[in-house]
Amino acid sequence: MKLLTGLIFCSLLLGAHGLLSFLREAGQGAWDMWRAYSDMKEANYINADKYFHARGNYDAARRGPGGAWAAKVISDARENIQRLTGHGAEDSSADQAANQWGRSGRDPNHFRPAGLPNKY
């Protein structure tokens, strides 16, 4: 009986730990997305938006499942808002491709425009 109680307690503890880990990763991933967005606004560099989309998603997804989840939710929400406000579907599709590229762990520098300062 003690073994069963101990196993149940451990599984609950590990489950809670997993949830806390997921939430921590999600928070860190949201911060990564914000940082990429802030850098994009600061850089104000022509043709760099796909790079920042890919970089934010890449950094967030590297945090773990929670970070990847946060990146997808934030990216999808942003693109849906842009569609509602009149941005074209072509631009949104290209942004989503860059988002997926980064979330899949591929190098965001694929989208880096020539001349973008090394700071970014």
C-alpha atoms as a PDB file:
ATOM      1  CA  MET A   1       0.000   0.000   0.000  1.00  0.00           C
ATOM      2  CA  LYS A   2       2.839   2.392   0.838  1.00  0.00           C
ATOM      3  CA  LEU A   3       4.448   1.607  -2.512  1.00  0.00           C
ATOM      4  CA  LEU A   4       1.234   2.402  -4.370  1.00  0.00           C
ATOM      5  CA  THR A   5       0.778   5.631  -2.414  1.00  0.00           C
ATOM      6  CA  GLY A   6       4.399   6.560  -3.091  1.00  0.00           C
ATOM      7  CA  LEU A   7       4.025   5.854  -6.825  1.00  0.00           C
ATOM      8  CA  ILE A   8       0.873   7.952  -7.038  1.00  0.00           C
ATOM      9  CA  PHE A   9       2.528  10.790  -5.131  1.00  0.00           C
ATOM     10  CA  CYS A  10       5.619  10.668  -7.377  1.00  0.00           C
ATOM     11  CA  SER A  11       3.556  10.650 -10.567  1.00  0.00           C
ATOM     12  CA  LEU A  12       1.550  13.636  -9.335  1.00  0.00           C
ATOM     13  CA  LEU A  13       4.743  15.436  -8.392  1.00  0.00           C
ATOM     14  CA  LEU A  14       6.334  14.699 -11.757  1.00  0.00           C
ATOM     15  CA  GLY A  15       3.145  15.785 -13.519  1.00  0.00           C
ATOM     16  CA  ALA A  16       3.136  19.062 -11.607  1.00  0.00           C
ATOM     17  CA  HIS A  17       6.838  19.477 -12.378  1.00  0.00           C
ATOM     18  CA  GLY A  18       6.117  18.878 -16.063  1.00  0.00           C
ATOM     19  CA  LEU A  19       3.355  21.467 -16.034  1.00  0.00           C
ATOM     20  CA  LEU A  20       5.535  24.005 -14.247  1.00  0.00           C
ATOM     21  CA  SER A  21       8.344  23.341 -16.714  1.00  0.00           C
ATOM     22  CA  PHE A  22       5.954  23.812 -19.662  1.00  0.00           C
ATOM     23  CA  LEU A  23       4.668  27.090 -18.203  1.00  0.00           C
ATOM     24  CA  ARG A  24       8.214  28.351 -17.574  1.00  0.00           C
ATOM     25  CA  GLU A  25       9.202  27.482 -21.156  1.00  0.00           C
ATOM     26  CA  ALA A  26       6.070  29.214 -22.466  1.00  0.00           C
ATOM     27  CA  GLY A  27       6.907  32.376 -20.539  1.00  0.00           C
ATOM     28  CA  GLN A  28      10.489  32.339 -21.759  1.00  0.00           C
ATOM     29  CA  GLY A  29       9.295  31.683 -25.317  1.00  0.00           C
ATOM     30  CA  ALA A  30       6.884  34.612 -25.128  1.00  0.00           C
ATOM     31  CA  TRP A  31       9.804  36.775 -23.986  1.00  0.00           C
ATOM     32  CA  ASP A  32      11.877  35.545 -26.966  1.00  0.00           C
ATOM     33  CA  MET A  33       9.048  36.499 -29.301  1.00  0.00           C
ATOM     34  CA  TRP A  34       8.780  39.957 -27.710  1.00  0.00           C
ATOM     35  CA  ARG A  35      12.537  40.469 -27.975  1.00  0.00           C
ATOM     36  CA  ALA A  36      12.504  39.588 -31.704  1.00  0.00           C
ATOM     37  CA  TYR A  37       9.570  41.945 -32.271  1.00  0.00           C
ATOM     38  CA  SER A  38      11.310  44.749 -30.363  1.00  0.00           C
ATOM     39  CA  ASP A  39      14.522  44.190 -32.325  1.00  0.00           C
ATOM     40  CA  MET A  40      12.565  44.263 -35.597  1.00  0.00           C
ATOM     41  CA  LYS A  41      11.007  47.610 -34.649  1.00  0.00           C
ATOM     42  CA  GLU A  42      14.349  49.007 -33.487  1.00  0.00           C
ATOM     43  CA  ALA A  43      16.227  47.843 -36.592  1.00  0.00           C
ATOM     44  CA  ASN A  44      13.549  49.240 -38.917  1.00  0.00           C
ATOM     45  CA  TYR A  45      15.395  47.472 -41.749  1.00  0.00           C
ATOM     46  CA  ILE A  46      13.808  46.850 -45.139  1.00  0.00           C
ATOM     47  CA  ASN A  47      13.068  43.162 -45.907  1.00  0.00           C
ATOM     48  CA  ALA A  48      14.119  41.997 -42.421  1.00  0.00           C
ATOM     49  CA  ASP A  49      10.685  41.029 -41.062  1.00  0.00           C
ATOM     50  CA  LYS A  50      10.928  37.370 -42.170  1.00  0.00           C
ATOM     51  CA  TYR A  51      14.284  37.090 -40.406  1.00  0.00           C
ATOM     52  CA  PHE A  52      12.820  38.401 -37.152  1.00  0.00           C
ATOM     53  CA  HIS A  53       9.792  36.106 -37.483  1.00  0.00           C
ATOM     54  CA  ALA A  54      12.081  33.097 -37.938  1.00  0.00           C
ATOM     55  CA  ARG A  55      14.451  34.195 -35.152  1.00  0.00           C
ATOM     56  CA  GLY A  56      11.709  34.739 -32.581  1.00  0.00           C
ATOM     57  CA  ASN A  57      10.152  31.350 -33.314  1.00  0.00           C
ATOM     58  CA  TYR A  58      13.563  29.661 -33.355  1.00  0.00           C
ATOM     59  CA  ASP A  59      14.606  31.100 -29.996  1.00  0.00           C
ATOM     60  CA  ALA A  60      11.243  30.303 -28.405  1.00  0.00           C
ATOM     61  CA  ALA A  61      11.108  26.727 -29.721  1.00  0.00           C
ATOM     62  CA  ARG A  62      14.606  26.035 -28.361  1.00  0.00           C
ATOM     63  CA  ARG A  63      13.154  26.558 -24.869  1.00  0.00           C
ATOM     64  CA  GLY A  64      11.177  23.318 -25.216  1.00  0.00           C
ATOM     65  CA  PRO A  65       7.575  22.322 -25.883  1.00  0.00           C
ATOM     66  CA  GLY A  66       6.194  25.259 -23.903  1.00  0.00           C
ATOM     67  CA  GLY A  67       8.270  27.731 -25.887  1.00  0.00           C
ATOM     68  CA  ALA A  68       7.234  26.175 -29.200  1.00  0.00           C
ATOM     69  CA  TRP A  69       3.600  26.334 -28.106  1.00  0.00           C
ATOM     70  CA  ALA A  70       3.911  30.011 -27.124  1.00  0.00           C
ATOM     71  CA  ALA A  71       5.603  30.820 -30.439  1.00  0.00           C
ATOM     72  CA  LYS A  72       2.816  29.153 -32.424  1.00  0.00           C
ATOM     73  CA  VAL A  73       0.034  30.836 -30.440  1.00  0.00           C
ATOM     74  CA  ILE A  74       1.657  34.273 -30.685  1.00  0.00           C
ATOM     75  CA  SER A  75       2.518  33.882 -34.379  1.00  0.00           C
ATOM     76  CA  ASP A  76      -0.951  32.677 -35.297  1.00  0.00           C
ATOM     77  CA  ALA A  77      -2.615  35.465 -33.312  1.00  0.00           C
ATOM     78  CA  ARG A  78      -0.419  38.103 -34.914  1.00  0.00           C
ATOM     79  CA  GLU A  79      -1.121  36.850 -38.422  1.00  0.00           C
ATOM     80  CA  ASN A  80      -4.862  36.596 -37.755  1.00  0.00           C
ATOM     81  CA  ILE A  81      -4.925  40.168 -36.461  1.00  0.00           C
ATOM     82  CA  GLN A  82      -3.032  41.360 -39.528  1.00  0.00           C
ATOM     83  CA  ARG A  83      -5.508  39.624 -41.830  1.00  0.00           C
ATOM     84  CA  LEU A  84      -8.403  41.269 -40.003  1.00  0.00           C
ATOM     85  CA  THR A  85      -6.774  44.679 -40.340  1.00  0.00           C
ATOM     86  CA  GLY A  86      -6.320  44.325 -44.089  1.00  0.00           C
ATOM     87  CA  HIS A  87      -2.819  42.948 -44.611  1.00  0.00           C
ATOM     88  CA  GLY A  88      -2.580  40.704 -47.653  1.00  0.00           C
ATOM     89  CA  ALA A  89      -2.781  36.939 -47.496  1.00  0.00           C
ATOM     90  CA  GLU A  90       0.464  36.625 -49.471  1.00  0.00           C
ATOM     91  CA  ASP A  91       2.454  38.514 -46.840  1.00  0.00           C
ATOM     92  CA  SER A  92       0.786  36.519 -44.068  1.00  0.00           C
ATOM     93  CA  SER A  93       1.612  33.225 -45.799  1.00  0.00           C
ATOM     94  CA  ALA A  94       5.249  34.260 -46.164  1.00  0.00           C
ATOM     95  CA  ASP A  95       5.370  35.300 -42.497  1.00  0.00           C
ATOM     96  CA  GLN A  96       3.873  31.965 -41.435  1.00  0.00           C
ATOM     97  CA  ALA A  97       6.455  30.099 -43.544  1.00  0.00           C
ATOM     98  CA  ALA A  98       9.226  32.006 -41.748  1.00  0.00           C
ATOM     99  CA  ASN A  99       7.549  31.287 -38.389  1.00  0.00           C
ATOM    100  CA  GLN A 100       7.408  27.556 -39.141  1.00  0.00           C
ATOM    101  CA  TRP A 101      10.998  27.601 -40.414  1.00  0.00           C
ATOM    102  CA  GLY A 102      12.216  28.962 -37.103  1.00  0.00           C
ATOM    103  CA  ARG A 103       9.991  26.736 -34.949  1.00  0.00           C
ATOM    104  CA  SER A 104      11.284  23.663 -36.766  1.00  0.00           C
ATOM    105  CA  GLY A 105      14.818  24.486 -35.598  1.00  0.00           C
ATOM    106  CA  ARG A 106      16.132  25.666 -38.948  1.00  0.00           C
ATOM    107  CA  ASP A 107      18.617  28.540 -39.083  1.00  0.00           C
ATOM    108  CA  PRO A 108      16.810  31.902 -39.062  1.00  0.00           C
ATOM    109  CA  ASN A 109      19.783  33.462 -40.875  1.00  0.00           C
ATOM    110  CA  HIS A 110      18.318  31.942 -44.032  1.00  0.00           C
ATOM    111  CA  PHE A 111      16.037  35.014 -44.045  1.00  0.00           C
ATOM    112  CA  ARG A 112      18.679  37.522 -42.922  1.00  0.00           C
ATOM    113  CA  PRO A 113      18.909  40.418 -45.383  1.00  0.00           C
ATOM    114  CA  ALA A 114      22.315  41.611 -46.499  1.00  0.00           C
ATOM    115  CA  GLY A 115      23.543  44.547 -44.454  1.00  0.00           C
ATOM    116  CA  LEU A 116      21.432  43.929 -41.330  1.00  0.00           C
ATOM    117  CA  PRO A 117      23.670  45.010 -38.430  1.00  0.00           C
ATOM    118  CA  ASN A 118      25.371  42.173 -36.527  1.00  0.00           C
ATOM    119  CA  LYS A 119      23.657  43.393 -33.364  1.00  0.00           C
ATOM    120  CA  TYR A 120      20.606  41.465 -34.558  1.00  0.00           C
END
